[in-house]
Amino acid sequence: MEVWQKGLLVAAGAAGAAGVLYYLLREEPEAKRLPVDDESKERNHLTEEDELSFVQSLLGEIVESQEKMKTHMKDLTRELLTKRLDFEQTYERVKQVQPEDPLERRGMQMSEFDRLLSKHQSNQKVREGIMRIMGGQPSPQSASGPSNASSAKVIEVHAFMLEELQKVVAHVRTASDKVFEVKTLTLAAQAVVGAKVEEKFSLTSDDIESAVIMHHEVLAQDKEFESLNLQMQQAMAELMQQK
């Protein structure tokens, strides 16, 4: 696993960022890989400068897509707190508002994305793009200000998040007659868990993200937090195998 991937996994586990984990953990069996199209062939003949520009642009599109979905997720969380939708209903609501995946729109494989990020990860703008995907640099319109949650509260919240995520995994495992699209599935799980967290702790996803960033030095040394992150990543990976 590349350095950029390890950093994203830690951040994604900390923030509960299902979209990020989808990019990192999804697998592409040969039978499901998209055919090579003209655009893909053209990418193989880009100059170094044009290729770098393409990577920077692609990262920007992913950030923009995530920001749009983040807004939809906030609306869906509020809906879940009032309407008590079941998981299948939540999945359908996510499906209705989910933006098109920038990689899928280009017929781009995850392996190609990995290769390009690994190749250009030393570039400052590429690193900044990765940081924005991680949530390390919240956009002004999404920032909620400093969180009052302590590092201990962050760990407590993440333990609860893990419990709720494992419940979702168990539910999906028993729904053998349902066919789920993997990215929609991970986002629906995030919406359900986020609503449960807000209901119990009165903390939004922005509050949690802000607290993680604020206490990152302490949390980075905390073994329990590290273990919770690992277990959340494993639970999300298992969820993505239930498609």
Protein backbone atom coordinates (compact mmCIF):
# COMPACT_ATOMS: atom_id res chain seq x y z
CA MET A 1 0.00 0.00 0.00
CA GLU A 2 1.32 3.42 -0.99
CA VAL A 3 2.04 6.19 1.54
CA TRP A 4 -0.85 8.29 0.24
CA GLN A 5 -3.23 5.35 0.71
CA LYS A 6 -2.13 4.74 4.31
CA GLY A 7 -2.71 8.38 5.17
CA LEU A 8 -6.14 8.36 3.59
CA LEU A 9 -7.17 5.20 5.40
CA VAL A 10 -6.33 6.74 8.78
CA ALA A 11 -8.21 9.92 7.96
CA ALA A 12 -11.16 8.10 6.45
CA GLY A 13 -11.54 5.90 9.49
CA ALA A 14 -11.31 8.90 11.77
CA ALA A 15 -13.90 10.94 9.91
CA GLY A 16 -16.16 8.05 8.93
CA ALA A 17 -15.70 9.11 5.31
CA ALA A 18 -17.42 6.35 3.40
CA GLY A 19 -16.66 7.90 0.03
CA VAL A 20 -12.93 7.87 0.69
CA LEU A 21 -12.99 4.30 1.96
CA TYR A 22 -14.91 3.29 -1.16
CA TYR A 23 -12.07 4.50 -3.37
CA LEU A 24 -9.42 2.84 -1.22
CA LEU A 25 -11.02 -0.49 -0.42
CA ARG A 26 -12.99 -1.38 -3.51
CA GLU A 27 -11.74 -4.29 -5.57
CA GLU A 28 -11.99 -4.71 -9.33
CA PRO A 29 -12.27 -8.34 -10.37
CA GLU A 30 -11.27 -8.93 -13.96
CA ALA A 31 -14.83 -9.80 -14.95
CA LYS A 32 -16.12 -6.43 -13.79
CA ARG A 33 -13.45 -4.19 -15.22
CA LEU A 34 -14.56 -1.65 -17.77
CA PRO A 35 -13.37 -1.93 -21.39
CA VAL A 36 -10.51 0.32 -22.45
CA ASP A 37 -12.02 3.31 -24.27
CA ASP A 38 -10.54 6.05 -26.46
CA GLU A 39 -10.11 8.43 -23.51
CA SER A 40 -8.17 5.80 -21.58
CA LYS A 41 -5.89 5.23 -24.57
CA GLU A 42 -5.31 8.97 -24.86
CA ARG A 43 -4.25 9.15 -21.20
CA ASN A 44 -1.48 6.66 -21.94
CA HIS A 45 0.09 9.17 -24.36
CA LEU A 46 -0.05 12.31 -22.23
CA THR A 47 3.13 14.27 -21.59
CA GLU A 48 4.36 14.43 -17.99
CA GLU A 49 3.02 17.98 -17.68
CA ASP A 50 -0.38 17.13 -19.14
CA GLU A 51 -0.64 14.02 -16.99
CA LEU A 52 0.07 16.03 -13.84
CA SER A 53 -2.54 18.59 -14.88
CA PHE A 54 -5.03 15.75 -15.43
CA VAL A 55 -4.38 14.30 -11.95
CA GLN A 56 -4.85 17.72 -10.32
CA SER A 57 -8.09 18.27 -12.24
CA LEU A 58 -9.38 14.81 -11.34
CA LEU A 59 -8.68 15.34 -7.64
CA GLY A 60 -10.58 18.63 -7.87
CA GLU A 61 -13.57 16.85 -9.40
CA ILE A 62 -13.54 14.22 -6.66
CA VAL A 63 -13.45 16.94 -3.98
CA GLU A 64 -16.33 18.76 -5.68
CA SER A 65 -18.33 15.53 -5.88
CA GLN A 66 -17.66 14.84 -2.20
CA GLU A 67 -18.74 18.35 -1.20
CA LYS A 68 -22.02 17.94 -3.08
CA MET A 69 -22.61 14.57 -1.47
CA LYS A 70 -21.71 15.98 1.94
CA THR A 71 -24.51 18.52 1.60
CA HIS A 72 -26.95 15.79 0.56
CA MET A 73 -25.81 13.65 3.50
CA LYS A 74 -26.53 16.45 5.96
CA ASP A 75 -30.05 16.78 4.55
CA LEU A 76 -30.51 13.01 4.70
CA THR A 77 -29.29 12.89 8.30
CA ARG A 78 -31.91 15.46 9.28
CA GLU A 79 -34.52 13.37 7.44
CA LEU A 80 -33.43 10.21 9.25
CA LEU A 81 -33.74 11.97 12.61
CA THR A 82 -37.39 12.80 11.92
CA LYS A 83 -38.74 10.11 9.58
CA ARG A 84 -37.01 6.95 10.85
CA LEU A 85 -36.36 5.46 7.42
CA ASP A 86 -35.21 1.85 7.32
CA PHE A 87 -31.91 0.94 5.67
CA GLU A 88 -33.40 0.07 2.28
CA GLN A 89 -35.29 3.37 2.18
CA THR A 90 -32.11 5.22 3.14
CA TYR A 91 -30.23 3.42 0.37
CA GLU A 92 -32.83 4.56 -2.18
CA ARG A 93 -32.66 8.16 -0.93
CA VAL A 94 -28.86 8.15 -1.32
CA LYS A 95 -29.21 6.68 -4.81
CA GLN A 96 -31.49 9.57 -5.83
CA VAL A 97 -28.97 12.29 -4.96
CA GLN A 98 -25.59 10.59 -5.45
CA PRO A 99 -23.34 12.47 -7.94
CA GLU A 100 -21.72 10.61 -10.80
CA ASP A 101 -18.34 9.13 -9.89
CA PRO A 102 -15.53 11.06 -11.68
CA LEU A 103 -13.57 7.85 -12.23
CA GLU A 104 -16.52 5.88 -13.56
CA ARG A 105 -17.46 8.74 -15.88
CA ARG A 106 -14.05 8.36 -17.54
CA GLY A 107 -14.06 4.57 -17.53
CA MET A 108 -11.01 4.80 -15.27
CA GLN A 109 -9.86 1.83 -13.24
CA MET A 110 -8.83 2.13 -9.59
CA SER A 111 -5.44 0.66 -10.48
CA GLU A 112 -4.81 3.52 -12.92
CA PHE A 113 -5.87 6.08 -10.30
CA ASP A 114 -3.48 4.43 -7.80
CA ARG A 115 -0.65 4.57 -10.28
CA LEU A 116 -1.17 8.24 -11.12
CA LEU A 117 -1.45 9.34 -7.48
CA SER A 118 1.61 7.34 -6.49
CA LYS A 119 3.58 8.79 -9.37
CA HIS A 120 2.66 12.42 -8.62
CA GLN A 121 2.22 12.38 -4.84
CA SER A 122 5.31 14.56 -4.37
CA ASN A 123 3.59 17.44 -6.20
CA GLN A 124 2.28 20.10 -3.81
CA LYS A 125 -1.09 20.54 -5.53
CA VAL A 126 -1.62 16.78 -5.65
CA ARG A 127 -0.84 16.52 -1.93
CA GLU A 128 -3.28 19.36 -1.27
CA GLY A 129 -5.94 17.56 -3.30
CA ILE A 130 -5.43 14.39 -1.30
CA MET A 131 -5.60 16.38 1.95
CA ARG A 132 -8.90 17.93 0.87
CA ILE A 133 -10.31 14.48 0.12
CA MET A 134 -9.14 13.39 3.57
CA GLY A 135 -10.95 16.30 5.17
CA GLY A 136 -7.70 17.74 6.52
CA GLN A 137 -8.55 21.10 5.00
CA PRO A 138 -12.30 21.67 5.40
CA SER A 139 -13.81 24.07 2.90
CA PRO A 140 -14.99 27.43 4.30
CA GLN A 141 -18.62 26.72 3.49
CA SER A 142 -18.56 23.37 5.30
CA ALA A 143 -16.51 24.30 8.34
CA SER A 144 -18.53 24.43 11.54
CA GLY A 145 -15.91 26.06 13.72
CA PRO A 146 -14.04 24.54 16.67
CA SER A 147 -15.68 21.54 18.28
CA ASN A 148 -16.27 21.32 22.02
CA ALA A 149 -15.76 17.55 21.96
CA SER A 150 -12.74 16.35 23.92
CA SER A 151 -10.38 13.66 22.65
CA ALA A 152 -12.01 11.23 25.09
CA LYS A 153 -15.42 12.08 23.63
CA VAL A 154 -14.09 11.53 20.11
CA ILE A 155 -12.96 8.04 21.10
CA GLU A 156 -16.33 7.34 22.75
CA VAL A 157 -18.14 8.48 19.61
CA HIS A 158 -15.98 6.32 17.38
CA ALA A 159 -16.63 3.27 19.56
CA PHE A 160 -20.35 3.92 19.12
CA MET A 161 -19.88 4.45 15.37
CA LEU A 162 -18.18 1.07 15.14
CA GLU A 163 -21.08 -0.63 16.95
CA GLU A 164 -23.64 0.94 14.64
CA LEU A 165 -21.60 0.17 11.52
CA GLN A 166 -21.35 -3.48 12.57
CA LYS A 167 -25.15 -3.52 12.93
CA VAL A 168 -25.48 -2.27 9.37
CA VAL A 169 -23.05 -4.94 8.13
CA ALA A 170 -25.07 -7.62 9.91
CA HIS A 171 -28.33 -6.29 8.40
CA VAL A 172 -26.94 -6.22 4.87
CA ARG A 173 -25.53 -9.72 5.29
CA THR A 174 -29.03 -11.06 6.00
CA ALA A 175 -30.59 -9.19 3.06
CA SER A 176 -29.42 -11.80 0.57
CA ASP A 177 -32.30 -11.05 -1.81
CA LYS A 178 -31.21 -7.41 -2.23
CA VAL A 179 -28.72 -6.18 -4.82
CA PHE A 180 -26.75 -3.16 -3.60
CA GLU A 181 -24.41 -0.89 -5.55
CA VAL A 182 -21.27 -0.74 -3.46
CA LYS A 183 -20.65 3.02 -3.30
CA THR A 184 -24.33 3.79 -2.62
CA LEU A 185 -24.23 1.11 0.06
CA THR A 186 -21.25 2.65 1.85
CA LEU A 187 -22.82 6.12 1.74
CA ALA A 188 -26.12 4.79 3.07
CA ALA A 189 -24.24 3.15 5.93
CA GLN A 190 -22.53 6.45 6.69
CA ALA A 191 -25.89 8.26 6.72
CA VAL A 192 -27.42 5.74 9.12
CA VAL A 193 -24.43 5.80 11.47
CA GLY A 194 -24.20 9.60 11.30
CA ALA A 195 -27.85 9.99 12.28
CA LYS A 196 -27.42 7.59 15.20
CA VAL A 197 -24.38 9.55 16.41
CA GLU A 198 -26.14 12.90 16.16
CA GLU A 199 -29.17 11.51 17.98
CA LYS A 200 -27.08 10.12 20.86
CA PHE A 201 -24.33 12.73 21.20
CA SER A 202 -25.82 15.83 19.51
CA LEU A 203 -22.68 15.97 17.35
CA THR A 204 -22.80 16.45 13.59
CA SER A 205 -20.30 14.98 11.14
CA ASP A 206 -18.66 18.43 10.94
CA ASP A 207 -18.36 18.52 14.75
CA ILE A 208 -16.63 15.15 14.76
CA GLU A 209 -14.35 16.04 11.86
CA SER A 210 -13.38 19.29 13.57
CA ALA A 211 -12.68 17.49 16.86
CA VAL A 212 -10.53 14.85 15.14
CA ILE A 213 -8.45 17.57 13.49
CA MET A 214 -8.19 19.60 16.69
CA HIS A 215 -7.02 16.59 18.76
CA HIS A 216 -5.08 14.83 16.02
CA GLU A 217 -1.76 14.86 17.92
CA VAL A 218 -3.30 13.17 20.97
CA LEU A 219 -5.42 10.77 18.92
CA ALA A 220 -2.47 9.74 16.76
CA GLN A 221 -0.81 8.32 19.90
CA ASP A 222 -3.94 6.67 21.31
CA LYS A 223 -3.96 2.88 20.88
CA GLU A 224 -7.73 2.58 21.41
CA PHE A 225 -8.43 5.16 18.72
CA GLU A 226 -6.04 3.36 16.38
CA SER A 227 -7.78 0.06 17.05
CA LEU A 228 -11.23 1.59 16.48
CA ASN A 229 -10.10 3.02 13.17
CA LEU A 230 -8.76 -0.34 12.05
CA GLN A 231 -11.96 -2.12 13.05
CA MET A 232 -14.06 0.49 11.23
CA GLN A 233 -11.99 0.00 8.09
CA GLN A 234 -12.41 -3.77 8.39
CA ALA A 235 -16.17 -3.42 8.91
CA MET A 236 -16.45 -1.15 5.88
CA ALA A 237 -14.40 -3.56 3.80
CA GLU A 238 -16.71 -6.39 4.88
CA LEU A 239 -19.74 -4.27 3.99
CA MET A 240 -18.35 -3.73 0.51
CA GLN A 241 -18.12 -7.51 0.05
CA GLN A 242 -21.89 -7.86 0.63
CA LYS A 243 -22.86 -6.29 -2.70
